[in-house]
Amino acid sequence: MSFGKRLRSLRINKKLSQEELAKTLGLNRSTLARYELENTQPDYETLTKMADFFQVTTDYILGRVDDETTQLSISFSHGGEELTEDEKAHLEQELKKYRELKERFFHEKLRE
């Protein structure tokens, strides 16, 4: 899938209008429309904002991969010790909560 189609699909899946997504990303609606129509490409900063907002990789948005799931790989060490499976599971739960709060914040910001 191409970048423009992928971006449009992600936006529609979040039930956002072009205007709402553009406002969230700090863009003009017409700029977002040009991205979706593939008349232009975003800069690196904008692409990164999109990936963060949709919680996908930049490769997924660009259409380079079809797996939208982001694989989080965290390596912590404390005196050479790796995280336990319980600690990893706890961090994954906390990250999921953070992402949900972040998404709610964006939706609340759109309503302003």
PDB file of N, CA and C in Angstrom:
ATOM      1  N   MET A   1       0.848  -1.171   0.000  1.00  0.00           N
ATOM      2  CA  MET A   1       0.000   0.000   0.000  1.00  0.00           C
ATOM      3  C   MET A   1       0.900   1.243   0.000  1.00  0.00           C
ATOM      4  N   SER A   2       0.524   2.246  -0.738  1.00  0.00           N
ATOM      5  CA  SER A   2       1.326   3.456  -0.841  1.00  0.00           C
ATOM      6  C   SER A   2       1.154   4.347   0.395  1.00  0.00           C
ATOM      7  N   PHE A   3       2.054   5.307   0.534  1.00  0.00           N
ATOM      8  CA  PHE A   3       2.030   6.213   1.677  1.00  0.00           C
ATOM      9  C   PHE A   3       0.678   6.927   1.810  1.00  0.00           C
ATOM     10  N   GLY A   4       0.198   7.531   0.739  1.00  0.00           N
ATOM     11  CA  GLY A   4      -1.052   8.287   0.799  1.00  0.00           C
ATOM     12  C   GLY A   4      -2.239   7.430   1.204  1.00  0.00           C
ATOM     13  N   LYS A   5      -2.323   6.244   0.626  1.00  0.00           N
ATOM     14  CA  LYS A   5      -3.424   5.328   0.960  1.00  0.00           C
ATOM     15  C   LYS A   5      -3.303   4.848   2.397  1.00  0.00           C
ATOM     16  N   ARG A   6      -2.083   4.582   2.832  1.00  0.00           N
ATOM     17  CA  ARG A   6      -1.869   4.122   4.203  1.00  0.00           C
ATOM     18  C   ARG A   6      -2.267   5.220   5.201  1.00  0.00           C
ATOM     19  N   LEU A   7      -1.851   6.456   4.926  1.00  0.00           N
ATOM     20  CA  LEU A   7      -2.189   7.575   5.797  1.00  0.00           C
ATOM     21  C   LEU A   7      -3.700   7.764   5.873  1.00  0.00           C
ATOM     22  N   ARG A   8      -4.355   7.722   4.739  1.00  0.00           N
ATOM     23  CA  ARG A   8      -5.815   7.873   4.707  1.00  0.00           C
ATOM     24  C   ARG A   8      -6.494   6.756   5.496  1.00  0.00           C
ATOM     25  N   SER A   9      -6.020   5.535   5.310  1.00  0.00           N
ATOM     26  CA  SER A   9      -6.583   4.389   6.018  1.00  0.00           C
ATOM     27  C   SER A   9      -6.427   4.535   7.532  1.00  0.00           C
ATOM     28  N   LEU A  10      -5.241   4.950   7.973  1.00  0.00           N
ATOM     29  CA  LEU A  10      -5.015   5.144   9.410  1.00  0.00           C
ATOM     30  C   LEU A  10      -5.943   6.229   9.963  1.00  0.00           C
ATOM     31  N   ARG A  11      -6.092   7.313   9.213  1.00  0.00           N
ATOM     32  CA  ARG A  11      -6.964   8.411   9.652  1.00  0.00           C
ATOM     33  C   ARG A  11      -8.411   7.952   9.765  1.00  0.00           C
ATOM     34  N   ILE A  12      -8.882   7.250   8.770  1.00  0.00           N
ATOM     35  CA  ILE A  12     -10.278   6.778   8.763  1.00  0.00           C
ATOM     36  C   ILE A  12     -10.501   5.771   9.888  1.00  0.00           C
ATOM     37  N   ASN A  13      -9.535   4.896  10.128  1.00  0.00           N
ATOM     38  CA  ASN A  13      -9.672   3.924  11.220  1.00  0.00           C
ATOM     39  C   ASN A  13      -9.785   4.600  12.576  1.00  0.00           C
ATOM     40  N   LYS A  14      -9.192   5.776  12.723  1.00  0.00           N
ATOM     41  CA  LYS A  14      -9.295   6.545  13.974  1.00  0.00           C
ATOM     42  C   LYS A  14     -10.541   7.430  13.984  1.00  0.00           C
ATOM     43  N   LYS A  15     -11.315   7.370  12.887  1.00  0.00           N
ATOM     44  CA  LYS A  15     -12.546   8.157  12.758  1.00  0.00           C
ATOM     45  C   LYS A  15     -12.271   9.663  12.871  1.00  0.00           C
ATOM     46  N   LEU A  16     -11.213  10.092  12.182  1.00  0.00           N
ATOM     47  CA  LEU A  16     -10.829  11.495  12.178  1.00  0.00           C
ATOM     48  C   LEU A  16     -11.035  12.086  10.790  1.00  0.00           C
ATOM     49  N   SER A  17     -11.461  13.335  10.759  1.00  0.00           N
ATOM     50  CA  SER A  17     -11.522  14.057   9.493  1.00  0.00           C
ATOM     51  C   SER A  17     -10.119  14.547   9.156  1.00  0.00           C
ATOM     52  N   GLN A  18      -9.943  14.974   7.924  1.00  0.00           N
ATOM     53  CA  GLN A  18      -8.655  15.562   7.564  1.00  0.00           C
ATOM     54  C   GLN A  18      -8.373  16.778   8.440  1.00  0.00           C
ATOM     55  N   GLU A  19      -9.381  17.575   8.684  1.00  0.00           N
ATOM     56  CA  GLU A  19      -9.226  18.776   9.504  1.00  0.00           C
ATOM     57  C   GLU A  19      -8.753  18.424  10.917  1.00  0.00           C
ATOM     58  N   GLU A  20      -9.365  17.408  11.518  1.00  0.00           N
ATOM     59  CA  GLU A  20      -8.994  17.009  12.882  1.00  0.00           C
ATOM     60  C   GLU A  20      -7.559  16.498  12.956  1.00  0.00           C
ATOM     61  N   LEU A  21      -7.193  15.632  12.009  1.00  0.00           N
ATOM     62  CA  LEU A  21      -5.836  15.096  12.027  1.00  0.00           C
ATOM     63  C   LEU A  21      -4.818  16.200  11.746  1.00  0.00           C
ATOM     64  N   ALA A  22      -5.120  17.055  10.802  1.00  0.00           N
ATOM     65  CA  ALA A  22      -4.211  18.151  10.479  1.00  0.00           C
ATOM     66  C   ALA A  22      -3.976  19.031  11.706  1.00  0.00           C
ATOM     67  N   LYS A  23      -5.032  19.340  12.426  1.00  0.00           N
ATOM     68  CA  LYS A  23      -4.905  20.171  13.626  1.00  0.00           C
ATOM     69  C   LYS A  23      -4.023  19.478  14.661  1.00  0.00           C
ATOM     70  N   THR A  24      -4.230  18.194  14.858  1.00  0.00           N
ATOM     71  CA  THR A  24      -3.439  17.427  15.819  1.00  0.00           C
ATOM     72  C   THR A  24      -1.955  17.431  15.458  1.00  0.00           C
ATOM     73  N   LEU A  25      -1.673  17.339  14.161  1.00  0.00           N
ATOM     74  CA  LEU A  25      -0.281  17.265  13.702  1.00  0.00           C
ATOM     75  C   LEU A  25       0.337  18.643  13.464  1.00  0.00           C
ATOM     76  N   GLY A  26      -0.475  19.693  13.597  1.00  0.00           N
ATOM     77  CA  GLY A  26       0.032  21.043  13.365  1.00  0.00           C
ATOM     78  C   GLY A  26       0.216  21.369  11.893  1.00  0.00           C
ATOM     79  N   LEU A  27      -0.692  20.845  11.060  1.00  0.00           N
ATOM     80  CA  LEU A  27      -0.628  21.047   9.614  1.00  0.00           C
ATOM     81  C   LEU A  27      -1.878  21.763   9.123  1.00  0.00           C
ATOM     82  N   ASN A  28      -1.811  22.270   7.902  1.00  0.00           N
ATOM     83  CA  ASN A  28      -3.020  22.746   7.227  1.00  0.00           C
ATOM     84  C   ASN A  28      -3.752  21.537   6.664  1.00  0.00           C
ATOM     85  N   ARG A  29      -5.067  21.613   6.583  1.00  0.00           N
ATOM     86  CA  ARG A  29      -5.838  20.510   6.021  1.00  0.00           C
ATOM     87  C   ARG A  29      -5.422  20.242   4.588  1.00  0.00           C
ATOM     88  N   SER A  30      -5.137  21.300   3.832  1.00  0.00           N
ATOM     89  CA  SER A  30      -4.756  21.119   2.428  1.00  0.00           C
ATOM     90  C   SER A  30      -3.430  20.364   2.294  1.00  0.00           C
ATOM     91  N   THR A  31      -2.531  20.574   3.231  1.00  0.00           N
ATOM     92  CA  THR A  31      -1.257  19.834   3.216  1.00  0.00           C
ATOM     93  C   THR A  31      -1.512  18.354   3.440  1.00  0.00           C
ATOM     94  N   LEU A  32      -2.353  18.049   4.433  1.00  0.00           N
ATOM     95  CA  LEU A  32      -2.688  16.651   4.703  1.00  0.00           C
ATOM     96  C   LEU A  32      -3.367  16.025   3.484  1.00  0.00           C
ATOM     97  N   ALA A  33      -4.256  16.757   2.841  1.00  0.00           N
ATOM     98  CA  ALA A  33      -4.933  16.248   1.647  1.00  0.00           C
ATOM     99  C   ALA A  33      -3.911  15.942   0.549  1.00  0.00           C
ATOM    100  N   ARG A  34      -2.917  16.800   0.378  1.00  0.00           N
ATOM    101  CA  ARG A  34      -1.877  16.546  -0.637  1.00  0.00           C
ATOM    102  C   ARG A  34      -1.068  15.299  -0.295  1.00  0.00           C
ATOM    103  N   TYR A  35      -0.838  15.061   1.002  1.00  0.00           N
ATOM    104  CA  TYR A  35      -0.162  13.822   1.395  1.00  0.00           C
ATOM    105  C   TYR A  35      -1.002  12.612   0.987  1.00  0.00           C
ATOM    106  N   GLU A  36      -2.292  12.664   1.302  1.00  0.00           N
ATOM    107  CA  GLU A  36      -3.167  11.526   0.986  1.00  0.00           C
ATOM    108  C   GLU A  36      -3.305  11.312  -0.515  1.00  0.00           C
ATOM    109  N   LEU A  37      -3.271  12.394  -1.282  1.00  0.00           N
ATOM    110  CA  LEU A  37      -3.359  12.288  -2.746  1.00  0.00           C
ATOM    111  C   LEU A  37      -2.006  11.989  -3.380  1.00  0.00           C
ATOM    112  N   GLU A  38      -0.974  11.931  -2.542  1.00  0.00           N
ATOM    113  CA  GLU A  38       0.392  11.640  -2.974  1.00  0.00           C
ATOM    114  C   GLU A  38       0.942  12.686  -3.927  1.00  0.00           C
ATOM    115  N   ASN A  39       0.529  13.932  -3.693  1.00  0.00           N
ATOM    116  CA  ASN A  39       1.079  15.042  -4.475  1.00  0.00           C
ATOM    117  C   ASN A  39       2.359  15.575  -3.846  1.00  0.00           C
ATOM    118  N   THR A  40       2.576  15.250  -2.591  1.00  0.00           N
ATOM    119  CA  THR A  40       3.772  15.681  -1.872  1.00  0.00           C
ATOM    120  C   THR A  40       4.045  14.705  -0.736  1.00  0.00           C
ATOM    121  N   GLN A  41       5.237  14.791  -0.173  1.00  0.00           N
ATOM    122  CA  GLN A  41       5.639  13.908   0.923  1.00  0.00           C
ATOM    123  C   GLN A  41       5.952  14.752   2.160  1.00  0.00           C
ATOM    124  N   PRO A  42       5.716  14.216   3.344  1.00  0.00           N
ATOM    125  CA  PRO A  42       6.032  14.960   4.568  1.00  0.00           C
ATOM    126  C   PRO A  42       7.533  14.967   4.843  1.00  0.00           C
ATOM    127  N   ASP A  43       7.957  15.953   5.622  1.00  0.00           N
ATOM    128  CA  ASP A  43       9.341  15.950   6.066  1.00  0.00           C
ATOM    129  C   ASP A  43       9.489  14.937   7.196  1.00  0.00           C
ATOM    130  N   TYR A  44      10.729  14.727   7.614  1.00  0.00           N
ATOM    131  CA  TYR A  44      11.020  13.716   8.631  1.00  0.00           C
ATOM    132  C   TYR A  44      10.267  13.986   9.933  1.00  0.00           C
ATOM    133  N   GLU A  45      10.252  15.240  10.376  1.00  0.00           N
ATOM    134  CA  GLU A  45       9.586  15.588  11.637  1.00  0.00           C
ATOM    135  C   GLU A  45       8.097  15.273  11.581  1.00  0.00           C
ATOM    136  N   THR A  46       7.459  15.611  10.480  1.00  0.00           N
ATOM    137  CA  THR A  46       6.022  15.345  10.329  1.00  0.00           C
ATOM    138  C   THR A  46       5.758  13.853  10.261  1.00  0.00           C
ATOM    139  N   LEU A  47       6.584  13.136   9.532  1.00  0.00           N
ATOM    140  CA  LEU A  47       6.436  11.685   9.433  1.00  0.00           C
ATOM    141  C   LEU A  47       6.552  11.041  10.813  1.00  0.00           C
ATOM    142  N   THR A  48       7.483  11.512  11.609  1.00  0.00           N
ATOM    143  CA  THR A  48       7.669  10.989  12.961  1.00  0.00           C
ATOM    144  C   THR A  48       6.453  11.296  13.831  1.00  0.00           C
ATOM    145  N   LYS A  49       5.900  12.501  13.719  1.00  0.00           N
ATOM    146  CA  LYS A  49       4.682  12.845  14.468  1.00  0.00           C
ATOM    147  C   LYS A  49       3.537  11.911  14.095  1.00  0.00           C
ATOM    148  N   MET A  50       3.410  11.628  12.810  1.00  0.00           N
ATOM    149  CA  MET A  50       2.351  10.724  12.341  1.00  0.00           C
ATOM    150  C   MET A  50       2.527   9.337  12.944  1.00  0.00           C
ATOM    151  N   ALA A  51       3.734   8.822  12.883  1.00  0.00           N
ATOM    152  CA  ALA A  51       4.002   7.481  13.418  1.00  0.00           C
ATOM    153  C   ALA A  51       3.701   7.440  14.914  1.00  0.00           C
ATOM    154  N   ASP A  52       4.114   8.467  15.644  1.00  0.00           N
ATOM    155  CA  ASP A  52       3.843   8.515  17.083  1.00  0.00           C
ATOM    156  C   ASP A  52       2.351   8.572  17.349  1.00  0.00           C
ATOM    157  N   PHE A  53       1.647   9.411  16.610  1.00  0.00           N
ATOM    158  CA  PHE A  53       0.210   9.555  16.823  1.00  0.00           C
ATOM    159  C   PHE A  53      -0.527   8.240  16.562  1.00  0.00           C
ATOM    160  N   PHE A  54      -0.209   7.595  15.442  1.00  0.00           N
ATOM    161  CA  PHE A  54      -0.905   6.354  15.083  1.00  0.00           C
ATOM    162  C   PHE A  54      -0.305   5.118  15.760  1.00  0.00           C
ATOM    163  N   GLN A  55       0.804   5.300  16.467  1.00  0.00           N
ATOM    164  CA  GLN A  55       1.481   4.210  17.174  1.00  0.00           C
ATOM    165  C   GLN A  55       1.886   3.083  16.233  1.00  0.00           C
ATOM    166  N   VAL A  56       2.501   3.507  15.135  1.00  0.00           N
ATOM    167  CA  VAL A  56       3.026   2.573  14.149  1.00  0.00           C
ATOM    168  C   VAL A  56       4.440   3.022  13.799  1.00  0.00           C
ATOM    169  N   THR A  57       5.130   2.222  13.034  1.00  0.00           N
ATOM    170  CA  THR A  57       6.471   2.602  12.606  1.00  0.00           C
ATOM    171  C   THR A  57       6.388   3.510  11.379  1.00  0.00           C
ATOM    172  N   THR A  58       7.445   4.263  11.151  1.00  0.00           N
ATOM    173  CA  THR A  58       7.496   5.086   9.940  1.00  0.00           C
ATOM    174  C   THR A  58       7.516   4.180   8.702  1.00  0.00           C
ATOM    175  N   ASP A  59       8.143   3.032   8.808  1.00  0.00           N
ATOM    176  CA  ASP A  59       8.134   2.090   7.681  1.00  0.00           C
ATOM    177  C   ASP A  59       6.711   1.670   7.321  1.00  0.00           C
ATOM    178  N   TYR A  60       5.866   1.486   8.321  1.00  0.00           N
ATOM    179  CA  TYR A  60       4.482   1.103   8.045  1.00  0.00           C
ATOM    180  C   TYR A  60       3.751   2.232   7.315  1.00  0.00           C
ATOM    181  N   ILE A  61       3.887   3.455   7.806  1.00  0.00           N
ATOM    182  CA  ILE A  61       3.215   4.583   7.144  1.00  0.00           C
ATOM    183  C   ILE A  61       3.712   4.735   5.708  1.00  0.00           C
ATOM    184  N   LEU A  62       4.996   4.559   5.509  1.00  0.00           N
ATOM    185  CA  LEU A  62       5.565   4.717   4.174  1.00  0.00           C
ATOM    186  C   LEU A  62       5.212   3.567   3.237  1.00  0.00           C
ATOM    187  N   GLY A  63       4.616   2.514   3.764  1.00  0.00           N
ATOM    188  CA  GLY A  63       4.233   1.380   2.931  1.00  0.00           C
ATOM    189  C   GLY A  63       5.358   0.392   2.687  1.00  0.00           C
ATOM    190  N   ARG A  64       6.424   0.501   3.469  1.00  0.00           N
ATOM    191  CA  ARG A  64       7.564  -0.405   3.289  1.00  0.00           C
ATOM    192  C   ARG A  64       7.330  -1.758   3.939  1.00  0.00           C
ATOM    193  N   VAL A  65       6.465  -1.807   4.956  1.00  0.00           N
ATOM    194  CA  VAL A  65       6.091  -3.058   5.615  1.00  0.00           C
ATOM    195  C   VAL A  65       4.581  -3.067   5.799  1.00  0.00           C
ATOM    196  N   ASP A  66       4.023  -4.251   5.921  1.00  0.00           N
ATOM    197  CA  ASP A  66       2.575  -4.364   6.088  1.00  0.00           C
ATOM    198  C   ASP A  66       2.150  -4.688   7.507  1.00  0.00           C
ATOM    199  N   ASP A  67       3.098  -4.876   8.394  1.00  0.00           N
ATOM    200  CA  ASP A  67       2.786  -5.178   9.790  1.00  0.00           C
ATOM    201  C   ASP A  67       2.787  -3.876  10.571  1.00  0.00           C
ATOM    202  N   GLU A  68       1.599  -3.437  11.004  1.00  0.00           N
ATOM    203  CA  GLU A  68       1.509  -2.153  11.691  1.00  0.00           C
ATOM    204  C   GLU A  68       1.926  -2.204  13.151  1.00  0.00           C
ATOM    205  N   THR A  69       2.100  -3.381  13.671  1.00  0.00           N
ATOM    206  CA  THR A  69       2.463  -3.467  15.083  1.00  0.00           C
ATOM    207  C   THR A  69       3.891  -3.015  15.268  1.00  0.00           C
ATOM    208  N   THR A  70       4.079  -2.229  16.273  1.00  0.00           N
ATOM    209  CA  THR A  70       5.427  -1.781  16.576  1.00  0.00           C
ATOM    210  C   THR A  70       6.012  -2.732  17.594  1.00  0.00           C
ATOM    211  N   GLN A  71       7.204  -3.120  17.350  1.00  0.00           N
ATOM    212  CA  GLN A  71       7.888  -4.001  18.277  1.00  0.00           C
ATOM    213  C   GLN A  71       8.753  -3.141  19.184  1.00  0.00           C
ATOM    214  N   LEU A  72       8.455  -3.159  20.444  1.00  0.00           N
ATOM    215  CA  LEU A  72       9.216  -2.385  21.401  1.00  0.00           C
ATOM    216  C   LEU A  72      10.300  -3.274  21.980  1.00  0.00           C
ATOM    217  N   SER A  73      11.494  -2.819  21.845  1.00  0.00           N
ATOM    218  CA  SER A  73      12.617  -3.557  22.389  1.00  0.00           C
ATOM    219  C   SER A  73      13.328  -2.656  23.375  1.00  0.00           C
ATOM    220  N   ILE A  74      13.217  -2.993  24.634  1.00  0.00           N
ATOM    221  CA  ILE A  74      13.848  -2.203  25.673  1.00  0.00           C
ATOM    222  C   ILE A  74      14.893  -3.064  26.353  1.00  0.00           C
ATOM    223  N   SER A  75      16.041  -2.502  26.496  1.00  0.00           N
ATOM    224  CA  SER A  75      17.100  -3.215  27.189  1.00  0.00           C
ATOM    225  C   SER A  75      17.555  -2.357  28.361  1.00  0.00           C
ATOM    226  N   PHE A  76      17.262  -2.823  29.534  1.00  0.00           N
ATOM    227  CA  PHE A  76      17.698  -2.158  30.747  1.00  0.00           C
ATOM    228  C   PHE A  76      18.670  -3.082  31.462  1.00  0.00           C
ATOM    229  N   SER A  77      19.604  -2.463  32.109  1.00  0.00           N
ATOM    230  CA  SER A  77      20.460  -3.278  32.952  1.00  0.00           C
ATOM    231  C   SER A  77      20.714  -2.520  34.241  1.00  0.00           C
ATOM    232  N   HIS A  78      20.769  -3.257  35.268  1.00  0.00           N
ATOM    233  CA  HIS A  78      21.064  -2.707  36.587  1.00  0.00           C
ATOM    234  C   HIS A  78      22.169  -3.579  37.158  1.00  0.00           C
ATOM    235  N   GLY A  79      23.365  -3.073  37.064  1.00  0.00           N
ATOM    236  CA  GLY A  79      24.490  -3.891  37.513  1.00  0.00           C
ATOM    237  C   GLY A  79      24.652  -5.131  36.668  1.00  0.00           C
ATOM    238  N   GLY A  80      24.292  -5.029  35.381  1.00  0.00           N
ATOM    239  CA  GLY A  80      24.446  -6.162  34.482  1.00  0.00           C
ATOM    240  C   GLY A  80      23.250  -7.098  34.449  1.00  0.00           C
ATOM    241  N   GLU A  81      22.203  -6.807  35.231  1.00  0.00           N
ATOM    242  CA  GLU A  81      21.020  -7.680  35.277  1.00  0.00           C
ATOM    243  C   GLU A  81      20.015  -7.281  34.196  1.00  0.00           C
ATOM    244  N   GLU A  82      19.463  -8.254  33.522  1.00  0.00           N
ATOM    245  CA  GLU A  82      18.401  -8.020  32.550  1.00  0.00           C
ATOM    246  C   GLU A  82      17.061  -7.978  33.277  1.00  0.00           C
ATOM    247  N   LEU A  83      16.059  -7.410  32.610  1.00  0.00           N
ATOM    248  CA  LEU A  83      14.715  -7.394  33.187  1.00  0.00           C
ATOM    249  C   LEU A  83      14.161  -8.812  33.263  1.00  0.00           C
ATOM    250  N   THR A  84      13.368  -9.059  34.286  1.00  0.00           N
ATOM    251  CA  THR A  84      12.665 -10.342  34.383  1.00  0.00           C
ATOM    252  C   THR A  84      11.457 -10.294  33.453  1.00  0.00           C
ATOM    253  N   GLU A  85      10.870 -11.430  33.189  1.00  0.00           N
ATOM    254  CA  GLU A  85       9.666 -11.472  32.352  1.00  0.00           C
ATOM    255  C   GLU A  85       8.525 -10.687  33.000  1.00  0.00           C
ATOM    256  N   ASP A  86       8.403 -10.764  34.329  1.00  0.00           N
ATOM    257  CA  ASP A  86       7.372  -9.995  35.038  1.00  0.00           C
ATOM    258  C   ASP A  86       7.598  -8.499  34.873  1.00  0.00           C
ATOM    259  N   GLU A  87       8.850  -8.067  34.967  1.00  0.00           N
ATOM    260  CA  GLU A  87       9.163  -6.647  34.802  1.00  0.00           C
ATOM    261  C   GLU A  87       8.853  -6.177  33.373  1.00  0.00           C
ATOM    262  N   LYS A  88       9.178  -7.008  32.395  1.00  0.00           N
ATOM    263  CA  LYS A  88       8.877  -6.670  31.003  1.00  0.00           C
ATOM    264  C   LYS A  88       7.369  -6.566  30.792  1.00  0.00           C
ATOM    265  N   ALA A  89       6.623  -7.507  31.354  1.00  0.00           N
ATOM    266  CA  ALA A  89       5.168  -7.491  31.219  1.00  0.00           C
ATOM    267  C   ALA A  89       4.595  -6.233  31.869  1.00  0.00           C
ATOM    268  N   HIS A  90       5.124  -5.867  33.029  1.00  0.00           N
ATOM    269  CA  HIS A  90       4.663  -4.668  33.720  1.00  0.00           C
ATOM    270  C   HIS A  90       4.930  -3.414  32.871  1.00  0.00           C
ATOM    271  N   LEU A  91       6.107  -3.320  32.290  1.00  0.00           N
ATOM    272  CA  LEU A  91       6.434  -2.169  31.444  1.00  0.00           C
ATOM    273  C   LEU A  91       5.534  -2.109  30.209  1.00  0.00           C
ATOM    274  N   GLU A  92       5.226  -3.256  29.633  1.00  0.00           N
ATOM    275  CA  GLU A  92       4.330  -3.283  28.479  1.00  0.00           C
ATOM    276  C   GLU A  92       2.938  -2.782  28.869  1.00  0.00           C
ATOM    277  N   GLN A  93       2.449  -3.166  30.050  1.00  0.00           N
ATOM    278  CA  GLN A  93       1.147  -2.694  30.523  1.00  0.00           C
ATOM    279  C   GLN A  93       1.161  -1.185  30.749  1.00  0.00           C
ATOM    280  N   GLU A  94       2.227  -0.686  31.341  1.00  0.00           N
ATOM    281  CA  GLU A  94       2.348   0.749  31.588  1.00  0.00           C
ATOM    282  C   GLU A  94       2.425   1.528  30.278  1.00  0.00           C
ATOM    283  N   LEU A  95       3.136   0.976  29.300  1.00  0.00           N
ATOM    284  CA  LEU A  95       3.230   1.620  28.003  1.00  0.00           C
ATOM    285  C   LEU A  95       1.864   1.665  27.325  1.00  0.00           C
ATOM    286  N   LYS A  96       1.111   0.596  27.442  1.00  0.00           N
ATOM    287  CA  LYS A  96      -0.231   0.563  26.858  1.00  0.00           C
ATOM    288  C   LYS A  96      -1.116   1.630  27.511  1.00  0.00           C
ATOM    289  N   LYS A  97      -1.046   1.765  28.830  1.00  0.00           N
ATOM    290  CA  LYS A  97      -1.821   2.802  29.530  1.00  0.00           C
ATOM    291  C   LYS A  97      -1.412   4.187  29.049  1.00  0.00           C
ATOM    292  N   TYR A  98      -0.113   4.405  28.910  1.00  0.00           N
ATOM    293  CA  TYR A  98       0.396   5.697  28.452  1.00  0.00           C
ATOM    294  C   TYR A  98      -0.142   6.017  27.052  1.00  0.00           C
ATOM    295  N   ARG A  99      -0.103   5.045  26.160  1.00  0.00           N
ATOM    296  CA  ARG A  99      -0.583   5.275  24.796  1.00  0.00           C
ATOM    297  C   ARG A  99      -2.073   5.580  24.777  1.00  0.00           C
ATOM    298  N   GLU A 100      -2.843   4.912  25.619  1.00  0.00           N
ATOM    299  CA  GLU A 100      -4.276   5.189  25.689  1.00  0.00           C
ATOM    300  C   GLU A 100      -4.534   6.606  26.196  1.00  0.00           C
ATOM    301  N   LEU A 101      -3.790   7.018  27.219  1.00  0.00           N
ATOM    302  CA  LEU A 101      -3.922   8.384  27.732  1.00  0.00           C
ATOM    303  C   LEU A 101      -3.515   9.411  26.679  1.00  0.00           C
ATOM    304  N   LYS A 102      -2.463   9.120  25.972  1.00  0.00           N
ATOM    305  CA  LYS A 102      -1.981  10.012  24.923  1.00  0.00           C
ATOM    306  C   LYS A 102      -3.036  10.171  23.831  1.00  0.00           C
ATOM    307  N   GLU A 103      -3.673   9.084  23.447  1.00  0.00           N
ATOM    308  CA  GLU A 103      -4.706   9.145  22.417  1.00  0.00           C
ATOM    309  C   GLU A 103      -5.911   9.949  22.912  1.00  0.00           C
ATOM    310  N   ARG A 104      -6.309   9.737  24.167  1.00  0.00           N
ATOM    311  CA  ARG A 104      -7.418  10.524  24.726  1.00  0.00           C
ATOM    312  C   ARG A 104      -7.078  12.004  24.747  1.00  0.00           C
ATOM    313  N   PHE A 105      -5.837  12.323  25.101  1.00  0.00           N
ATOM    314  CA  PHE A 105      -5.401  13.710  25.128  1.00  0.00           C
ATOM    315  C   PHE A 105      -5.529  14.337  23.745  1.00  0.00           C
ATOM    316  N   PHE A 106      -5.090  13.627  22.702  1.00  0.00           N
ATOM    317  CA  PHE A 106      -5.193  14.152  21.348  1.00  0.00           C
ATOM    318  C   PHE A 106      -6.645  14.388  20.960  1.00  0.00           C
ATOM    319  N   HIS A 107      -7.525  13.469  21.320  1.00  0.00           N
ATOM    320  CA  HIS A 107      -8.934  13.631  20.980  1.00  0.00           C
ATOM    321  C   HIS A 107      -9.546  14.802  21.740  1.00  0.00           C
ATOM    322  N   GLU A 108      -9.165  14.983  22.999  1.00  0.00           N
ATOM    323  CA  GLU A 108      -9.660  16.121  23.773  1.00  0.00           C
ATOM    324  C   GLU A 108      -9.141  17.430  23.197  1.00  0.00           C
ATOM    325  N   LYS A 109      -7.908  17.424  22.758  1.00  0.00           N
ATOM    326  CA  LYS A 109      -7.310  18.616  22.159  1.00  0.00           C
ATOM    327  C   LYS A 109      -8.043  18.999  20.879  1.00  0.00           C
ATOM    328  N   LEU A 110      -8.506  18.014  20.128  1.00  0.00           N
ATOM    329  CA  LEU A 110      -9.256  18.283  18.903  1.00  0.00           C
ATOM    330  C   LEU A 110     -10.572  18.978  19.194  1.00  0.00           C
ATOM    331  N   ARG A 111     -11.161  18.688  20.317  1.00  0.00           N
ATOM    332  CA  ARG A 111     -12.461  19.266  20.677  1.00  0.00           C
ATOM    333  C   ARG A 111     -12.359  20.729  21.083  1.00  0.00           C
ATOM    334  N   GLU A 112     -11.148  21.180  21.416  1.00  0.00           N
ATOM    335  CA  GLU A 112     -10.955  22.569  21.876  1.00  0.00           C
ATOM    336  C   GLU A 112     -11.209  23.558  20.759  1.00  0.00           C
TER     337      GLU A 112
END
